[in-house]
Amino acid sequence: MVFGLVVLIGVLFLIFRSGNDVSDDVIDPFDTSPHKVKTNKSRSSTNRAPREMSPFDSSNAKHLREPRILTGAAWITDGDTVTIKKTQIRLFGIDAPELNHPFGVKAKWALHKLCKGQEIRAEIVDVDEYERTVAKCYLPDGRDLSAEMVKQGLAIDWPKYSGKKYAHLEVPDIRKKLFLADARQKGHMHVWKQFEARQDKRS
Protein backbone atom coordinates (compact mmCIF):
# COMPACT_ATOMS: atom_id res chain seq x y z
CA MET A 1 0.00 0.00 0.00
CA VAL A 2 2.75 2.40 0.98
CA PHE A 3 4.82 1.38 -2.04
CA GLY A 4 1.88 2.05 -4.36
CA LEU A 5 1.37 5.47 -2.80
CA VAL A 6 5.05 6.36 -3.32
CA VAL A 7 4.87 5.29 -6.97
CA LEU A 8 1.72 7.39 -7.49
CA ILE A 9 3.36 10.47 -5.94
CA GLY A 10 6.42 9.96 -8.14
CA VAL A 11 4.32 9.73 -11.30
CA LEU A 12 2.36 12.86 -10.37
CA PHE A 13 5.63 14.72 -9.70
CA LEU A 14 7.03 13.79 -13.14
CA ILE A 15 3.82 14.87 -14.88
CA PHE A 16 3.83 18.21 -13.04
CA ARG A 17 7.50 18.82 -13.81
CA SER A 18 7.21 18.05 -17.54
CA GLY A 19 4.22 20.34 -17.85
CA ASN A 20 6.22 23.27 -16.51
CA ASP A 21 9.37 22.78 -18.58
CA VAL A 22 10.18 25.80 -20.77
CA SER A 23 10.67 25.09 -24.46
CA ASP A 24 14.10 25.81 -25.94
CA ASP A 25 12.37 28.18 -28.34
CA VAL A 26 11.15 30.45 -25.52
CA ILE A 27 13.82 32.86 -24.24
CA ASP A 28 13.61 34.00 -20.65
CA PRO A 29 15.23 37.46 -20.55
CA PHE A 30 16.42 36.84 -17.01
CA ASP A 31 17.97 33.45 -17.82
CA THR A 32 21.71 33.89 -18.44
CA SER A 33 22.52 30.20 -18.89
CA PRO A 34 24.98 29.56 -21.78
CA HIS A 35 22.37 27.76 -23.89
CA LYS A 36 19.87 30.60 -23.76
CA VAL A 37 22.49 33.29 -24.37
CA LYS A 38 23.74 31.41 -27.42
CA THR A 39 20.23 31.04 -28.84
CA ASN A 40 19.47 34.71 -28.32
CA LYS A 41 22.73 35.77 -29.96
CA SER A 42 22.03 33.58 -32.95
CA ARG A 43 18.66 35.22 -33.52
CA SER A 44 19.95 38.76 -33.16
CA SER A 45 22.79 38.14 -35.61
CA THR A 46 20.26 37.75 -38.43
CA ASN A 47 18.85 41.24 -37.86
CA ARG A 48 21.34 43.04 -40.09
CA ALA A 49 20.92 46.65 -41.10
CA PRO A 50 19.27 47.19 -44.49
CA ARG A 51 21.72 47.15 -47.39
CA GLU A 52 20.98 50.72 -48.31
CA MET A 53 22.32 51.90 -44.94
CA SER A 54 25.94 51.06 -45.73
CA PRO A 55 28.18 51.70 -48.73
CA PHE A 56 29.61 49.11 -51.10
CA ASP A 57 32.75 47.46 -49.68
CA SER A 58 35.26 46.90 -52.46
CA SER A 59 37.73 45.17 -50.12
CA ASN A 60 35.69 41.96 -50.04
CA ALA A 61 33.79 42.25 -53.33
CA LYS A 62 33.71 39.50 -55.91
CA HIS A 63 33.51 40.06 -59.64
CA LEU A 64 30.71 38.33 -61.53
CA ARG A 65 31.76 36.57 -64.73
CA GLU A 66 28.32 37.15 -66.21
CA PRO A 67 26.51 40.37 -65.25
CA ARG A 68 23.25 39.95 -63.32
CA ILE A 69 20.50 42.12 -64.79
CA LEU A 70 18.13 44.18 -62.67
CA THR A 71 15.59 46.63 -64.10
CA GLY A 72 13.19 49.07 -62.53
CA ALA A 73 12.68 52.57 -61.20
CA ALA A 74 15.66 54.04 -59.35
CA TRP A 75 15.58 55.73 -55.95
CA ILE A 76 18.50 58.15 -55.71
CA THR A 77 20.77 58.18 -52.65
CA ASP A 78 23.49 60.51 -53.96
CA GLY A 79 25.36 61.31 -57.15
CA ASP A 80 26.69 57.81 -57.69
CA THR A 81 24.34 55.55 -55.72
CA VAL A 82 20.82 54.35 -56.56
CA THR A 83 18.45 51.70 -55.25
CA ILE A 84 16.48 49.47 -57.61
CA LYS A 85 14.02 46.93 -56.20
CA LYS A 86 15.55 47.24 -52.72
CA THR A 87 19.06 46.61 -54.06
CA GLN A 88 21.62 49.34 -53.38
CA ILE A 89 23.74 49.97 -56.47
CA ARG A 90 26.94 51.96 -56.80
CA LEU A 91 27.39 53.32 -60.33
CA PHE A 92 30.31 51.66 -62.06
CA GLY A 93 33.61 53.46 -62.55
CA ILE A 94 32.87 56.95 -61.21
CA ASP A 95 33.07 58.98 -58.03
CA ALA A 96 30.61 61.74 -57.18
CA PRO A 97 30.80 64.11 -54.19
CA GLU A 98 29.22 63.15 -50.87
CA LEU A 99 26.01 64.96 -49.99
CA ASN A 100 27.74 67.15 -47.38
CA HIS A 101 30.55 68.06 -49.80
CA PRO A 102 30.54 70.85 -52.40
CA PHE A 103 28.22 70.00 -55.30
CA GLY A 104 27.00 66.85 -53.51
CA VAL A 105 23.34 67.84 -53.42
CA LYS A 106 23.53 69.15 -57.00
CA ALA A 107 24.95 65.78 -58.14
CA LYS A 108 22.13 63.90 -56.42
CA TRP A 109 19.45 65.98 -58.12
CA ALA A 110 21.15 65.73 -61.50
CA LEU A 111 21.04 61.94 -61.24
CA HIS A 112 17.44 62.16 -60.04
CA LYS A 113 16.54 64.21 -63.11
CA LEU A 114 18.16 61.63 -65.40
CA CYS A 115 16.33 58.70 -63.78
CA LYS A 116 12.93 60.25 -63.05
CA GLY A 117 10.12 58.28 -64.72
CA GLN A 118 12.62 55.95 -66.39
CA GLU A 119 13.16 52.20 -66.13
CA ILE A 120 16.85 51.75 -65.41
CA ARG A 121 18.73 48.69 -66.59
CA ALA A 122 21.47 47.71 -64.15
CA GLU A 123 24.12 45.20 -65.20
CA ILE A 124 25.56 44.10 -61.85
CA VAL A 125 29.26 43.31 -62.15
CA ASP A 126 30.53 43.23 -58.55
CA VAL A 127 28.93 42.11 -55.28
CA ASP A 128 30.30 42.49 -51.75
CA GLU A 129 29.72 40.12 -48.81
CA TYR A 130 26.44 41.85 -47.88
CA GLU A 131 25.10 41.62 -51.46
CA ARG A 132 25.61 45.33 -52.09
CA THR A 133 26.50 45.88 -55.71
CA VAL A 134 28.33 47.81 -58.39
CA ALA A 135 26.56 48.00 -61.74
CA LYS A 136 26.73 49.57 -65.16
CA CYS A 137 23.42 51.41 -65.34
CA TYR A 138 21.64 52.46 -68.51
CA LEU A 139 18.67 54.60 -69.46
CA PRO A 140 16.07 53.17 -71.90
CA ASP A 141 17.74 55.06 -74.78
CA GLY A 142 21.05 53.34 -74.02
CA ARG A 143 22.84 56.20 -72.29
CA ASP A 144 25.28 55.16 -69.56
CA LEU A 145 24.42 56.92 -66.27
CA SER A 146 28.08 56.97 -65.21
CA ALA A 147 29.06 58.67 -68.46
CA GLU A 148 26.22 61.19 -68.17
CA MET A 149 27.26 62.23 -64.64
CA VAL A 150 30.88 62.72 -65.72
CA LYS A 151 29.86 64.72 -68.80
CA GLN A 152 27.75 67.01 -66.60
CA GLY A 153 30.78 67.78 -64.44
CA LEU A 154 29.22 66.24 -61.34
CA ALA A 155 31.38 63.12 -61.10
CA ILE A 156 34.88 62.06 -62.04
CA ASP A 157 36.29 58.91 -63.55
CA TRP A 158 37.70 56.41 -61.03
CA PRO A 159 40.54 54.77 -63.01
CA LYS A 160 41.18 52.07 -60.41
CA TYR A 161 37.76 50.57 -61.14
CA SER A 162 36.87 51.86 -64.61
CA GLY A 163 40.14 51.33 -66.42
CA LYS A 164 39.90 55.04 -67.40
CA LYS A 165 36.70 54.35 -69.33
CA TYR A 166 35.24 57.77 -68.51
CA ALA A 167 38.45 59.83 -68.22
CA HIS A 168 38.03 61.39 -71.68
CA LEU A 169 34.58 62.68 -70.66
CA GLU A 170 35.81 64.75 -67.72
CA VAL A 171 35.20 68.49 -68.11
CA PRO A 172 38.17 70.90 -67.75
CA ASP A 173 39.42 71.48 -64.18
CA ILE A 174 36.82 69.08 -62.79
CA ARG A 175 39.30 67.55 -60.36
CA LYS A 176 39.86 70.96 -58.79
CA LYS A 177 36.11 71.48 -58.52
CA LEU A 178 35.52 68.02 -57.02
CA PHE A 179 38.75 68.11 -55.04
CA LEU A 180 37.43 65.93 -52.22
CA ALA A 181 36.50 63.10 -54.57
CA ASP A 182 39.91 63.45 -56.22
CA ALA A 183 41.58 63.33 -52.79
CA ARG A 184 39.71 60.13 -51.92
CA GLN A 185 40.97 58.43 -55.06
CA LYS A 186 44.53 59.41 -54.23
CA GLY A 187 44.22 58.30 -50.60
CA HIS A 188 44.66 61.86 -49.29
CA MET A 189 42.01 61.58 -46.60
CA HIS A 190 43.65 64.31 -44.54
CA VAL A 191 42.08 66.72 -47.07
CA TRP A 192 38.67 65.40 -45.99
CA LYS A 193 39.51 65.88 -42.32
CA GLN A 194 40.64 69.45 -42.91
CA PHE A 195 37.46 70.25 -44.86
CA GLU A 196 35.20 68.70 -42.21
CA ALA A 197 37.07 70.54 -39.44
CA ARG A 198 36.37 73.84 -41.21
CA GLN A 199 32.72 72.90 -41.60
CA ASP A 200 32.46 72.11 -37.88
CA LYS A 201 33.86 75.52 -36.98
CA ARG A 202 31.30 77.28 -39.17
CA SER A 203 28.35 75.38 -37.72
C-alpha atoms as a PDB file:
ATOM      1  CA  MET A   1       0.000   0.000   0.000  1.00  0.00           C
ATOM      2  CA  VAL A   2       2.755   2.400   0.983  1.00  0.00           C
ATOM      3  CA  PHE A   3       4.817   1.382  -2.043  1.00  0.00           C
ATOM      4  CA  GLY A   4       1.877   2.048  -4.357  1.00  0.00           C
ATOM      5  CA  LEU A   5       1.369   5.472  -2.802  1.00  0.00           C
ATOM      6  CA  VAL A   6       5.053   6.355  -3.318  1.00  0.00           C
ATOM      7  CA  VAL A   7       4.868   5.290  -6.971  1.00  0.00           C
ATOM      8  CA  LEU A   8       1.716   7.387  -7.494  1.00  0.00           C
ATOM      9  CA  ILE A   9       3.356  10.468  -5.939  1.00  0.00           C
ATOM     10  CA  GLY A  10       6.420   9.955  -8.144  1.00  0.00           C
ATOM     11  CA  VAL A  11       4.316   9.731 -11.304  1.00  0.00           C
ATOM     12  CA  LEU A  12       2.357  12.861 -10.368  1.00  0.00           C
ATOM     13  CA  PHE A  13       5.632  14.717  -9.697  1.00  0.00           C
ATOM     14  CA  LEU A  14       7.032  13.785 -13.140  1.00  0.00           C
ATOM     15  CA  ILE A  15       3.824  14.871 -14.881  1.00  0.00           C
ATOM     16  CA  PHE A  16       3.825  18.206 -13.039  1.00  0.00           C
ATOM     17  CA  ARG A  17       7.503  18.817 -13.809  1.00  0.00           C
ATOM     18  CA  SER A  18       7.211  18.052 -17.543  1.00  0.00           C
ATOM     19  CA  GLY A  19       4.219  20.336 -17.849  1.00  0.00           C
ATOM     20  CA  ASN A  20       6.220  23.271 -16.505  1.00  0.00           C
ATOM     21  CA  ASP A  21       9.366  22.785 -18.583  1.00  0.00           C
ATOM     22  CA  VAL A  22      10.182  25.799 -20.766  1.00  0.00           C
ATOM     23  CA  SER A  23      10.675  25.093 -24.457  1.00  0.00           C
ATOM     24  CA  ASP A  24      14.103  25.806 -25.942  1.00  0.00           C
ATOM     25  CA  ASP A  25      12.373  28.175 -28.340  1.00  0.00           C
ATOM     26  CA  VAL A  26      11.155  30.450 -25.516  1.00  0.00           C
ATOM     27  CA  ILE A  27      13.824  32.858 -24.245  1.00  0.00           C
ATOM     28  CA  ASP A  28      13.609  34.003 -20.647  1.00  0.00           C
ATOM     29  CA  PRO A  29      15.231  37.461 -20.554  1.00  0.00           C
ATOM     30  CA  PHE A  30      16.420  36.838 -17.009  1.00  0.00           C
ATOM     31  CA  ASP A  31      17.972  33.446 -17.817  1.00  0.00           C
ATOM     32  CA  THR A  32      21.714  33.890 -18.435  1.00  0.00           C
ATOM     33  CA  SER A  33      22.525  30.197 -18.889  1.00  0.00           C
ATOM     34  CA  PRO A  34      24.981  29.563 -21.776  1.00  0.00           C
ATOM     35  CA  HIS A  35      22.368  27.762 -23.890  1.00  0.00           C
ATOM     36  CA  LYS A  36      19.869  30.604 -23.756  1.00  0.00           C
ATOM     37  CA  VAL A  37      22.488  33.293 -24.372  1.00  0.00           C
ATOM     38  CA  LYS A  38      23.742  31.411 -27.424  1.00  0.00           C
ATOM     39  CA  THR A  39      20.230  31.044 -28.842  1.00  0.00           C
ATOM     40  CA  ASN A  40      19.470  34.712 -28.319  1.00  0.00           C
ATOM     41  CA  LYS A  41      22.725  35.774 -29.956  1.00  0.00           C
ATOM     42  CA  SER A  42      22.026  33.579 -32.950  1.00  0.00           C
ATOM     43  CA  ARG A  43      18.660  35.222 -33.520  1.00  0.00           C
ATOM     44  CA  SER A  44      19.953  38.760 -33.162  1.00  0.00           C
ATOM     45  CA  SER A  45      22.786  38.140 -35.613  1.00  0.00           C
ATOM     46  CA  THR A  46      20.260  37.750 -38.431  1.00  0.00           C
ATOM     47  CA  ASN A  47      18.847  41.235 -37.858  1.00  0.00           C
ATOM     48  CA  ARG A  48      21.341  43.043 -40.089  1.00  0.00           C
ATOM     49  CA  ALA A  49      20.919  46.654 -41.098  1.00  0.00           C
ATOM     50  CA  PRO A  50      19.271  47.191 -44.487  1.00  0.00           C
ATOM     51  CA  ARG A  51      21.719  47.148 -47.392  1.00  0.00           C
ATOM     52  CA  GLU A  52      20.976  50.718 -48.311  1.00  0.00           C
ATOM     53  CA  MET A  53      22.323  51.902 -44.943  1.00  0.00           C
ATOM     54  CA  SER A  54      25.942  51.055 -45.726  1.00  0.00           C
ATOM     55  CA  PRO A  55      28.178  51.700 -48.735  1.00  0.00           C
ATOM     56  CA  PHE A  56      29.608  49.105 -51.096  1.00  0.00           C
ATOM     57  CA  ASP A  57      32.746  47.463 -49.678  1.00  0.00           C
ATOM     58  CA  SER A  58      35.259  46.898 -52.461  1.00  0.00           C
ATOM     59  CA  SER A  59      37.731  45.169 -50.117  1.00  0.00           C
ATOM     60  CA  ASN A  60      35.695  41.958 -50.041  1.00  0.00           C
ATOM     61  CA  ALA A  61      33.789  42.251 -53.330  1.00  0.00           C
ATOM     62  CA  LYS A  62      33.712  39.497 -55.906  1.00  0.00           C
ATOM     63  CA  HIS A  63      33.505  40.056 -59.636  1.00  0.00           C
ATOM     64  CA  LEU A  64      30.708  38.332 -61.532  1.00  0.00           C
ATOM     65  CA  ARG A  65      31.763  36.567 -64.728  1.00  0.00           C
ATOM     66  CA  GLU A  66      28.325  37.148 -66.211  1.00  0.00           C
ATOM     67  CA  PRO A  67      26.508  40.371 -65.250  1.00  0.00           C
ATOM     68  CA  ARG A  68      23.255  39.952 -63.323  1.00  0.00           C
ATOM     69  CA  ILE A  69      20.499  42.121 -64.786  1.00  0.00           C
ATOM     70  CA  LEU A  70      18.127  44.185 -62.670  1.00  0.00           C
ATOM     71  CA  THR A  71      15.589  46.629 -64.095  1.00  0.00           C
ATOM     72  CA  GLY A  72      13.187  49.069 -62.531  1.00  0.00           C
ATOM     73  CA  ALA A  73      12.684  52.573 -61.196  1.00  0.00           C
ATOM     74  CA  ALA A  74      15.659  54.044 -59.349  1.00  0.00           C
ATOM     75  CA  TRP A  75      15.580  55.733 -55.946  1.00  0.00           C
ATOM     76  CA  ILE A  76      18.503  58.153 -55.711  1.00  0.00           C
ATOM     77  CA  THR A  77      20.772  58.181 -52.654  1.00  0.00           C
ATOM     78  CA  ASP A  78      23.490  60.506 -53.956  1.00  0.00           C
ATOM     79  CA  GLY A  79      25.360  61.315 -57.151  1.00  0.00           C
ATOM     80  CA  ASP A  80      26.685  57.807 -57.692  1.00  0.00           C
ATOM     81  CA  THR A  81      24.337  55.546 -55.722  1.00  0.00           C
ATOM     82  CA  VAL A  82      20.823  54.347 -56.558  1.00  0.00           C
ATOM     83  CA  THR A  83      18.451  51.703 -55.252  1.00  0.00           C
ATOM     84  CA  ILE A  84      16.478  49.473 -57.615  1.00  0.00           C
ATOM     85  CA  LYS A  85      14.023  46.934 -56.197  1.00  0.00           C
ATOM     86  CA  LYS A  86      15.552  47.239 -52.720  1.00  0.00           C
ATOM     87  CA  THR A  87      19.061  46.614 -54.057  1.00  0.00           C
ATOM     88  CA  GLN A  88      21.618  49.343 -53.383  1.00  0.00           C
ATOM     89  CA  ILE A  89      23.739  49.970 -56.465  1.00  0.00           C
ATOM     90  CA  ARG A  90      26.945  51.961 -56.803  1.00  0.00           C
ATOM     91  CA  LEU A  91      27.391  53.323 -60.329  1.00  0.00           C
ATOM     92  CA  PHE A  92      30.307  51.662 -62.061  1.00  0.00           C
ATOM     93  CA  GLY A  93      33.609  53.459 -62.547  1.00  0.00           C
ATOM     94  CA  ILE A  94      32.871  56.947 -61.213  1.00  0.00           C
ATOM     95  CA  ASP A  95      33.067  58.976 -58.031  1.00  0.00           C
ATOM     96  CA  ALA A  96      30.610  61.743 -57.180  1.00  0.00           C
ATOM     97  CA  PRO A  97      30.800  64.111 -54.193  1.00  0.00           C
ATOM     98  CA  GLU A  98      29.222  63.152 -50.873  1.00  0.00           C
ATOM     99  CA  LEU A  99      26.006  64.962 -49.994  1.00  0.00           C
ATOM    100  CA  ASN A 100      27.744  67.145 -47.383  1.00  0.00           C
ATOM    101  CA  HIS A 101      30.545  68.063 -49.797  1.00  0.00           C
ATOM    102  CA  PRO A 102      30.537  70.854 -52.398  1.00  0.00           C
ATOM    103  CA  PHE A 103      28.219  70.004 -55.304  1.00  0.00           C
ATOM    104  CA  GLY A 104      26.998  66.846 -53.514  1.00  0.00           C
ATOM    105  CA  VAL A 105      23.339  67.836 -53.423  1.00  0.00           C
ATOM    106  CA  LYS A 106      23.532  69.149 -56.998  1.00  0.00           C
ATOM    107  CA  ALA A 107      24.952  65.784 -58.136  1.00  0.00           C
ATOM    108  CA  LYS A 108      22.135  63.902 -56.421  1.00  0.00           C
ATOM    109  CA  TRP A 109      19.450  65.976 -58.124  1.00  0.00           C
ATOM    110  CA  ALA A 110      21.150  65.726 -61.498  1.00  0.00           C
ATOM    111  CA  LEU A 111      21.043  61.937 -61.236  1.00  0.00           C
ATOM    112  CA  HIS A 112      17.436  62.155 -60.035  1.00  0.00           C
ATOM    113  CA  LYS A 113      16.535  64.214 -63.112  1.00  0.00           C
ATOM    114  CA  LEU A 114      18.157  61.626 -65.402  1.00  0.00           C
ATOM    115  CA  CYS A 115      16.326  58.704 -63.781  1.00  0.00           C
ATOM    116  CA  LYS A 116      12.925  60.247 -63.054  1.00  0.00           C
ATOM    117  CA  GLY A 117      10.124  58.283 -64.717  1.00  0.00           C
ATOM    118  CA  GLN A 118      12.616  55.945 -66.392  1.00  0.00           C
ATOM    119  CA  GLU A 119      13.162  52.200 -66.125  1.00  0.00           C
ATOM    120  CA  ILE A 120      16.848  51.752 -65.408  1.00  0.00           C
ATOM    121  CA  ARG A 121      18.734  48.691 -66.595  1.00  0.00           C
ATOM    122  CA  ALA A 122      21.474  47.708 -64.147  1.00  0.00           C
ATOM    123  CA  GLU A 123      24.123  45.198 -65.196  1.00  0.00           C
ATOM    124  CA  ILE A 124      25.556  44.097 -61.855  1.00  0.00           C
ATOM    125  CA  VAL A 125      29.263  43.309 -62.153  1.00  0.00           C
ATOM    126  CA  ASP A 126      30.527  43.234 -58.548  1.00  0.00           C
ATOM    127  CA  VAL A 127      28.925  42.106 -55.281  1.00  0.00           C
ATOM    128  CA  ASP A 128      30.297  42.485 -51.745  1.00  0.00           C
ATOM    129  CA  GLU A 129      29.716  40.124 -48.810  1.00  0.00           C
ATOM    130  CA  TYR A 130      26.439  41.848 -47.879  1.00  0.00           C
ATOM    131  CA  GLU A 131      25.103  41.625 -51.458  1.00  0.00           C
ATOM    132  CA  ARG A 132      25.609  45.329 -52.093  1.00  0.00           C
ATOM    133  CA  THR A 133      26.499  45.879 -55.706  1.00  0.00           C
ATOM    134  CA  VAL A 134      28.335  47.812 -58.394  1.00  0.00           C
ATOM    135  CA  ALA A 135      26.562  47.999 -61.740  1.00  0.00           C
ATOM    136  CA  LYS A 136      26.727  49.567 -65.163  1.00  0.00           C
ATOM    137  CA  CYS A 137      23.420  51.413 -65.336  1.00  0.00           C
ATOM    138  CA  TYR A 138      21.642  52.461 -68.513  1.00  0.00           C
ATOM    139  CA  LEU A 139      18.672  54.600 -69.461  1.00  0.00           C
ATOM    140  CA  PRO A 140      16.070  53.166 -71.902  1.00  0.00           C
ATOM    141  CA  ASP A 141      17.742  55.059 -74.778  1.00  0.00           C
ATOM    142  CA  GLY A 142      21.052  53.336 -74.019  1.00  0.00           C
ATOM    143  CA  ARG A 143      22.835  56.203 -72.292  1.00  0.00           C
ATOM    144  CA  ASP A 144      25.277  55.161 -69.562  1.00  0.00           C
ATOM    145  CA  LEU A 145      24.423  56.921 -66.271  1.00  0.00           C
ATOM    146  CA  SER A 146      28.076  56.970 -65.213  1.00  0.00           C
ATOM    147  CA  ALA A 147      29.060  58.674 -68.458  1.00  0.00           C
ATOM    148  CA  GLU A 148      26.223  61.192 -68.172  1.00  0.00           C
ATOM    149  CA  MET A 149      27.258  62.226 -64.643  1.00  0.00           C
ATOM    150  CA  VAL A 150      30.876  62.720 -65.724  1.00  0.00           C
ATOM    151  CA  LYS A 151      29.857  64.722 -68.800  1.00  0.00           C
ATOM    152  CA  GLN A 152      27.746  67.014 -66.599  1.00  0.00           C
ATOM    153  CA  GLY A 153      30.780  67.775 -64.444  1.00  0.00           C
ATOM    154  CA  LEU A 154      29.220  66.236 -61.340  1.00  0.00           C
ATOM    155  CA  ALA A 155      31.376  63.116 -61.102  1.00  0.00           C
ATOM    156  CA  ILE A 156      34.876  62.063 -62.041  1.00  0.00           C
ATOM    157  CA  ASP A 157      36.292  58.910 -63.546  1.00  0.00           C
ATOM    158  CA  TRP A 158      37.701  56.405 -61.032  1.00  0.00           C
ATOM    159  CA  PRO A 159      40.538  54.774 -63.011  1.00  0.00           C
ATOM    160  CA  LYS A 160      41.182  52.071 -60.407  1.00  0.00           C
ATOM    161  CA  TYR A 161      37.761  50.572 -61.138  1.00  0.00           C
ATOM    162  CA  SER A 162      36.866  51.858 -64.606  1.00  0.00           C
ATOM    163  CA  GLY A 163      40.145  51.332 -66.425  1.00  0.00           C
ATOM    164  CA  LYS A 164      39.902  55.038 -67.401  1.00  0.00           C
ATOM    165  CA  LYS A 165      36.701  54.352 -69.334  1.00  0.00           C
ATOM    166  CA  TYR A 166      35.239  57.772 -68.509  1.00  0.00           C
ATOM    167  CA  ALA A 167      38.449  59.829 -68.221  1.00  0.00           C
ATOM    168  CA  HIS A 168      38.031  61.391 -71.679  1.00  0.00           C
ATOM    169  CA  LEU A 169      34.582  62.680 -70.663  1.00  0.00           C
ATOM    170  CA  GLU A 170      35.813  64.753 -67.717  1.00  0.00           C
ATOM    171  CA  VAL A 171      35.204  68.488 -68.107  1.00  0.00           C
ATOM    172  CA  PRO A 172      38.166  70.899 -67.752  1.00  0.00           C
ATOM    173  CA  ASP A 173      39.415  71.476 -64.184  1.00  0.00           C
ATOM    174  CA  ILE A 174      36.820  69.076 -62.792  1.00  0.00           C
ATOM    175  CA  ARG A 175      39.304  67.546 -60.359  1.00  0.00           C
ATOM    176  CA  LYS A 176      39.865  70.959 -58.791  1.00  0.00           C
ATOM    177  CA  LYS A 177      36.112  71.477 -58.524  1.00  0.00           C
ATOM    178  CA  LEU A 178      35.516  68.025 -57.016  1.00  0.00           C
ATOM    179  CA  PHE A 179      38.752  68.111 -55.038  1.00  0.00           C
ATOM    180  CA  LEU A 180      37.428  65.926 -52.217  1.00  0.00           C
ATOM    181  CA  ALA A 181      36.501  63.103 -54.568  1.00  0.00           C
ATOM    182  CA  ASP A 182      39.906  63.447 -56.216  1.00  0.00           C
ATOM    183  CA  ALA A 183      41.577  63.326 -52.790  1.00  0.00           C
ATOM    184  CA  ARG A 184      39.715  60.128 -51.917  1.00  0.00           C
ATOM    185  CA  GLN A 185      40.965  58.430 -55.064  1.00  0.00           C
ATOM    186  CA  LYS A 186      44.532  59.411 -54.229  1.00  0.00           C
ATOM    187  CA  GLY A 187      44.222  58.301 -50.603  1.00  0.00           C
ATOM    188  CA  HIS A 188      44.656  61.855 -49.289  1.00  0.00           C
ATOM    189  CA  MET A 189      42.005  61.577 -46.601  1.00  0.00           C
ATOM    190  CA  HIS A 190      43.649  64.312 -44.541  1.00  0.00           C
ATOM    191  CA  VAL A 191      42.080  66.722 -47.067  1.00  0.00           C
ATOM    192  CA  TRP A 192      38.667  65.398 -45.990  1.00  0.00           C
ATOM    193  CA  LYS A 193      39.515  65.881 -42.322  1.00  0.00           C
ATOM    194  CA  GLN A 194      40.640  69.450 -42.914  1.00  0.00           C
ATOM    195  CA  PHE A 195      37.457  70.249 -44.860  1.00  0.00           C
ATOM    196  CA  GLU A 196      35.204  68.703 -42.212  1.00  0.00           C
ATOM    197  CA  ALA A 197      37.068  70.543 -39.444  1.00  0.00           C
ATOM    198  CA  ARG A 198      36.372  73.841 -41.212  1.00  0.00           C
ATOM    199  CA  GLN A 199      32.715  72.896 -41.596  1.00  0.00           C
ATOM    200  CA  ASP A 200      32.463  72.107 -37.880  1.00  0.00           C
ATOM    201  CA  LYS A 201      33.862  75.522 -36.979  1.00  0.00           C
ATOM    202  CA  ARG A 202      31.299  77.278 -39.167  1.00  0.00           C
ATOM    203  CA  SER A 203      28.348  75.377 -37.718  1.00  0.00           C
END
